[in-house]
Protein backbone atom coordinates (compact mmCIF):
# COMPACT_ATOMS: atom_id res chain seq x y z
CA MET A 1 -26.87 -18.49 39.80
CA ARG A 2 -30.35 -17.54 41.31
CA ALA A 3 -31.32 -13.80 41.88
CA SER A 4 -31.70 -14.57 45.67
CA SER A 5 -28.13 -15.97 45.79
CA LEU A 6 -26.80 -12.87 43.90
CA SER A 7 -28.54 -10.67 46.40
CA ARG A 8 -27.13 -12.58 49.38
CA LEU A 9 -23.61 -12.38 47.84
CA ALA A 10 -23.91 -8.68 47.27
CA LEU A 11 -25.25 -8.10 50.81
CA THR A 12 -22.34 -10.21 52.20
CA ALA A 13 -19.85 -8.10 50.18
CA LEU A 14 -21.54 -4.96 51.41
CA CYS A 15 -21.40 -5.99 55.11
CA SER A 16 -17.83 -7.17 54.85
CA ALA A 17 -16.75 -3.93 53.24
CA LEU A 18 -18.41 -1.88 55.89
CA LEU A 19 -16.84 -3.85 58.68
CA ALA A 20 -13.46 -3.72 57.00
CA GLY A 21 -13.56 0.02 56.46
CA CYS A 22 -12.12 2.04 53.66
CA ALA A 23 -9.12 1.07 51.41
CA GLN A 24 -6.74 3.51 49.97
CA SER A 25 -5.73 4.25 46.37
CA PRO A 26 -2.07 4.24 45.34
CA THR A 27 -2.06 7.98 45.94
CA GLY A 28 -3.46 7.66 49.47
CA ARG A 29 -7.02 8.55 48.62
CA ASN A 30 -9.73 6.87 50.66
CA GLN A 31 -11.90 4.32 48.77
CA MET A 32 -14.77 2.06 49.60
CA LEU A 33 -14.28 -1.23 47.81
CA LEU A 34 -17.06 -3.88 48.13
CA PHE A 35 -15.79 -6.52 45.81
CA SER A 36 -12.79 -8.85 46.17
CA PRO A 37 -9.86 -8.89 43.69
CA GLN A 38 -11.07 -12.33 42.67
CA GLN A 39 -14.53 -11.10 41.78
CA MET A 40 -13.17 -8.11 39.91
CA ASN A 41 -10.75 -10.36 37.95
CA GLN A 42 -13.53 -12.70 36.94
CA LEU A 43 -15.69 -9.82 35.96
CA GLY A 44 -12.86 -8.38 33.84
CA ALA A 45 -12.23 -11.71 32.16
CA ASP A 46 -15.88 -12.28 31.41
CA SER A 47 -16.25 -8.81 30.01
CA PHE A 48 -13.15 -9.12 27.90
CA THR A 49 -14.45 -12.41 26.37
CA GLN A 50 -17.68 -10.66 25.51
CA MET A 51 -15.77 -7.82 23.94
CA LYS A 52 -13.76 -10.21 21.72
CA GLN A 53 -17.07 -11.81 20.63
CA GLN A 54 -18.72 -8.43 19.81
CA GLU A 55 -15.81 -6.63 18.21
CA LYS A 56 -13.66 -7.53 15.25
CA VAL A 57 -10.18 -8.61 16.37
CA SER A 58 -7.33 -7.34 14.20
CA THR A 59 -5.25 -9.91 12.35
CA ASP A 60 -2.61 -7.21 11.31
CA ALA A 61 0.61 -8.81 12.49
CA ARG A 62 2.67 -5.65 12.37
CA MET A 63 -0.02 -3.73 14.26
CA ASN A 64 -0.37 -6.41 16.86
CA ALA A 65 3.45 -6.58 17.30
CA TYR A 66 3.65 -2.80 17.76
CA VAL A 67 0.87 -2.52 20.33
CA GLY A 68 2.13 -5.61 22.11
CA CYS A 69 5.62 -4.18 22.35
CA VAL A 70 4.41 -0.92 23.91
CA ALA A 71 2.03 -2.72 26.30
CA LYS A 72 4.80 -5.18 27.27
CA ALA A 73 7.21 -2.38 28.11
CA VAL A 74 4.62 -0.57 30.24
CA THR A 75 3.23 -3.61 32.04
CA ALA A 76 6.79 -4.55 32.97
CA GLN A 77 6.72 -1.67 35.34
CA VAL A 78 3.69 -2.75 37.25
CA PRO A 79 4.88 -3.80 40.78
CA ALA A 80 4.59 -7.38 41.62
CA SER A 81 2.56 -6.48 44.63
CA TYR A 82 -0.48 -5.98 42.41
CA GLY A 83 -0.50 -9.72 41.75
CA ILE A 84 -0.93 -9.53 37.98
CA THR A 85 1.44 -12.01 36.49
CA SER A 86 0.39 -11.66 32.81
CA TRP A 87 -1.46 -9.35 30.55
CA GLU A 88 -3.62 -10.26 27.53
CA VAL A 89 -3.45 -7.54 24.75
CA VAL A 90 -5.91 -7.48 21.91
CA VAL A 91 -6.06 -4.99 19.07
CA PHE A 92 -9.61 -4.39 17.68
CA ASP A 93 -10.02 -3.66 14.06
CA SER A 94 -12.07 -0.46 14.28
CA LYS A 95 -11.95 3.21 13.37
CA GLU A 96 -12.87 4.16 16.91
CA ILE A 97 -10.26 6.22 18.84
CA ASN A 98 -10.41 4.06 22.04
CA ALA A 99 -8.58 1.82 24.48
CA PHE A 100 -9.34 0.23 27.81
CA ALA A 101 -7.91 -2.02 30.53
CA LEU A 102 -9.85 -4.40 32.68
CA PRO A 103 -9.19 -6.15 36.08
CA GLY A 104 -7.38 -9.42 35.63
CA GLY A 105 -4.79 -8.15 33.21
CA LYS A 106 -6.77 -7.32 30.07
CA ILE A 107 -5.86 -4.57 27.57
CA GLY A 108 -7.88 -3.62 24.52
CA VAL A 109 -6.75 -1.16 21.93
CA TYR A 110 -8.78 0.01 18.89
CA SER A 111 -6.76 0.37 15.75
CA GLY A 112 -8.26 3.91 15.21
CA LEU A 113 -6.33 5.07 18.23
CA LEU A 114 -3.04 4.75 16.30
CA LYS A 115 -4.14 7.61 13.95
CA VAL A 116 -4.15 10.00 16.99
CA ALA A 117 -1.45 8.28 19.14
CA LYS A 118 1.12 8.87 16.49
CA ASN A 119 4.21 7.39 18.18
CA GLN A 120 5.22 4.83 20.78
CA ASP A 121 5.30 7.39 23.59
CA GLN A 122 1.75 8.60 22.90
CA LEU A 123 0.42 5.06 22.73
CA ALA A 124 2.18 4.29 26.04
CA THR A 125 0.41 7.43 27.38
CA VAL A 126 -3.00 5.90 26.77
CA ILE A 127 -2.02 2.39 27.84
CA GLY A 128 -0.36 3.71 31.07
CA HIS A 129 -3.47 5.74 31.81
CA GLU A 130 -5.88 2.82 31.29
CA LEU A 131 -3.71 0.40 33.24
CA THR A 132 -3.67 2.68 36.26
CA HIS A 133 -7.53 2.71 36.31
CA VAL A 134 -7.08 -0.97 36.97
CA LEU A 135 -4.21 -0.66 39.50
CA ALA A 136 -6.07 2.01 41.44
CA GLN A 137 -9.19 -0.26 41.50
CA HIS A 138 -11.40 2.45 39.92
CA SER A 139 -13.89 -0.01 38.57
CA ASN A 140 -14.34 -1.61 42.03
CA GLU A 141 -14.70 1.79 43.48
CA ARG A 142 -17.44 2.81 41.06
CA LEU A 143 -19.31 -0.48 41.28
CA SER A 144 -19.13 -0.16 45.15
CA ARG A 145 -20.31 3.44 45.01
CA ASP A 146 -23.31 2.57 42.88
CA GLN A 147 -24.20 -0.45 45.10
CA LEU A 148 -24.06 1.72 48.25
CA THR A 149 -26.32 4.38 46.81
CA GLY A 150 -28.69 1.78 45.37
CA ILE A 151 -28.18 3.19 41.86
CA GLY A 152 -26.38 0.15 40.46
CA LEU A 153 -28.27 -2.89 41.74
CA ALA A 154 -28.20 -4.42 38.26
CA VAL A 155 -24.53 -3.59 38.04
CA ALA A 156 -23.77 -5.18 41.36
CA ASP A 157 -25.67 -8.34 40.49
CA ALA A 158 -23.79 -8.46 37.21
CA ALA A 159 -20.51 -8.04 39.08
CA ILE A 160 -21.22 -11.24 40.99
CA GLY A 161 -21.99 -13.29 37.93
CA SER A 162 -24.71 -12.12 35.54
CA SER A 163 -23.82 -11.40 31.93
CA ASP A 164 -27.09 -11.14 30.24
CA SER A 165 -29.30 -8.27 28.99
CA LEU A 166 -29.10 -5.07 31.05
CA GLY A 167 -26.93 -6.54 33.90
CA GLY A 168 -24.09 -7.48 31.57
CA ALA A 169 -24.27 -4.09 29.72
CA ALA A 170 -24.27 -2.16 32.95
CA THR A 171 -21.35 -4.13 34.31
CA MET A 172 -19.32 -3.42 31.23
CA ALA A 173 -20.27 0.21 31.47
CA ALA A 174 -18.96 0.34 35.05
CA LEU A 175 -15.69 -1.12 33.79
CA GLY A 176 -15.25 1.81 31.41
CA LEU A 177 -16.89 0.18 28.42
CA GLY A 178 -20.00 2.40 28.53
CA VAL A 179 -19.80 3.85 24.99
CA GLN A 180 -19.78 0.52 23.29
CA VAL A 181 -22.72 -0.84 25.20
CA GLY A 182 -24.78 2.34 25.16
CA ILE A 183 -24.64 3.12 28.90
CA ALA A 184 -22.47 5.94 30.02
CA LEU A 185 -20.81 5.63 33.44
CA PRO A 186 -17.68 7.67 33.10
CA TYR A 187 -14.94 7.70 35.71
CA GLY A 188 -15.04 10.72 37.88
CA ARG A 189 -12.64 13.67 37.60
CA THR A 190 -10.75 12.57 40.62
CA GLN A 191 -10.22 9.12 39.19
CA GLU A 192 -9.18 10.65 35.84
CA SER A 193 -6.62 12.91 37.45
CA GLU A 194 -5.28 9.99 39.48
CA ALA A 195 -4.97 7.81 36.43
CA ASP A 196 -3.21 10.71 34.52
CA ARG A 197 -0.70 11.12 37.35
CA LEU A 198 -0.03 7.46 37.89
CA GLY A 199 0.06 6.78 34.17
CA LEU A 200 2.67 9.33 33.56
CA GLU A 201 4.83 7.71 36.24
CA LEU A 202 4.35 4.28 34.79
CA MET A 203 5.20 5.19 31.21
CA ALA A 204 8.24 7.29 32.31
CA ARG A 205 9.65 4.25 34.42
CA ALA A 206 9.18 2.12 31.23
CA GLY A 207 11.41 4.58 29.25
CA PHE A 208 8.68 6.46 27.33
CA ASN A 209 8.90 10.23 27.14
CA PRO A 210 6.14 11.62 29.36
CA ALA A 211 6.27 14.94 27.48
CA GLU A 212 4.38 13.16 24.68
CA ALA A 213 1.44 12.84 26.91
CA VAL A 214 0.66 16.57 26.43
CA THR A 215 0.89 16.17 22.66
CA LEU A 216 -1.33 13.08 22.77
CA TRP A 217 -4.15 14.82 24.65
CA GLN A 218 -3.87 17.82 22.22
CA ASN A 219 -4.19 15.43 19.35
CA MET A 220 -7.22 13.96 21.04
CA SER A 221 -8.87 17.34 21.29
CA ALA A 222 -7.96 18.16 17.73
CA ALA A 223 -9.44 14.83 16.50
CA SER A 224 -12.94 16.04 17.42
CA GLY A 225 -12.75 18.77 14.74
CA GLY A 226 -15.56 20.65 16.48
CA LYS A 227 -17.81 17.59 16.13
CA ALA A 228 -18.55 14.70 18.46
CA PRO A 229 -15.37 13.69 20.35
CA PRO A 230 -13.52 10.47 19.92
CA GLN A 231 -14.99 7.65 22.04
CA LEU A 232 -11.99 7.79 24.32
CA LEU A 233 -12.79 11.40 25.06
CA SER A 234 -16.45 10.71 25.73
CA THR A 235 -15.33 9.15 29.07
CA HIS A 236 -11.91 10.71 29.32
CA PRO A 237 -12.49 14.45 28.83
CA SER A 238 -9.50 16.31 27.51
CA ASP A 239 -9.61 20.03 28.37
CA GLU A 240 -7.28 22.93 29.05
CA ASN A 241 -7.09 22.25 32.82
CA ARG A 242 -6.08 18.48 32.14
CA ILE A 243 -3.36 19.47 29.72
CA ALA A 244 -2.17 22.06 32.07
CA GLU A 245 -1.88 19.45 34.83
CA LEU A 246 0.05 17.15 32.57
CA GLN A 247 2.43 19.95 31.84
CA ALA A 248 2.89 20.74 35.47
CA GLN A 249 3.57 17.16 36.37
CA GLN A 250 6.60 16.98 33.90
CA ALA A 251 8.96 18.22 36.55
CA GLU A 252 8.17 15.15 38.61
CA VAL A 253 8.18 12.48 35.92
CA GLN A 254 11.03 13.66 33.60
CA PRO A 255 13.69 12.47 36.17
CA LEU A 256 11.99 9.08 36.16
CA TYR A 257 12.31 8.98 32.38
CA GLN A 258 15.94 9.95 32.44
CA GLN A 259 16.59 7.29 35.09
CA ALA A 260 14.87 4.64 32.91
CA LYS A 261 17.00 5.59 29.91
CA ALA A 262 20.17 5.63 32.02
CA SER A 263 19.42 2.04 33.22
CA GLY A 264 18.99 0.86 29.61
CA LEU A 265 15.22 1.04 29.33
CA VAL A 266 14.91 2.48 25.81
CA PRO A 267 11.81 0.91 24.02
CA GLN A 268 12.07 0.59 20.30
CA CYS A 269 8.56 -0.25 19.30
CA LYS A 270 8.01 0.31 15.52
CA ALA A 271 4.55 1.24 14.24
């Protein structure tokens, strides 16, 4: 696609968004979203394909079954209104402590994460958190913000179709893949808090114990050992305030967990 065409499409998206006004996140927070779900889904699919080409995909059958089991249980609780009918889950063979989810129903988990997420509930914490970044359209929000401020012209162009050089890298960064491609565009604190809250609800509804979220993020902090933090923490900061917020939210999500168990939702995913 020619650059002029990309610019026209980006301008059309900008004008349409401004005319339509702000959207709202699942928590009722105002958002400006310039890109359509179709555009974001295609962007997620293209970026996921690129990730599978760049990273080593695990062939460990037991590990894939375990991660798939947790992911299936969590994604089963995603309301049909989001329009995601299937999820592709890939385990990457890497020591990196990381995971991500992309628009269009794509989930990536690095095998190194399993050394920190030590049980199914802790893994569900990470997957639930990453999924809710997608459900709350945080990537769209970030791409839109950068387009509006003029910072992310290359990102916006890539969001419409480019996958080469800086454009492709910048787009992947905006999707939360910044560490891998060397460009850091972390989610904001508001988005992180939103994903924490929504992720807790999602995992609890799936029958995973949300209390393990506190332990998971404590493990994440301990994994740094006073050195550089795990990749997941480079864009998902784990601090005392975050852990305190997770603890405070237990009163709201524990009843959801108990209801799930009472209804027969008791995941048995074996590591």
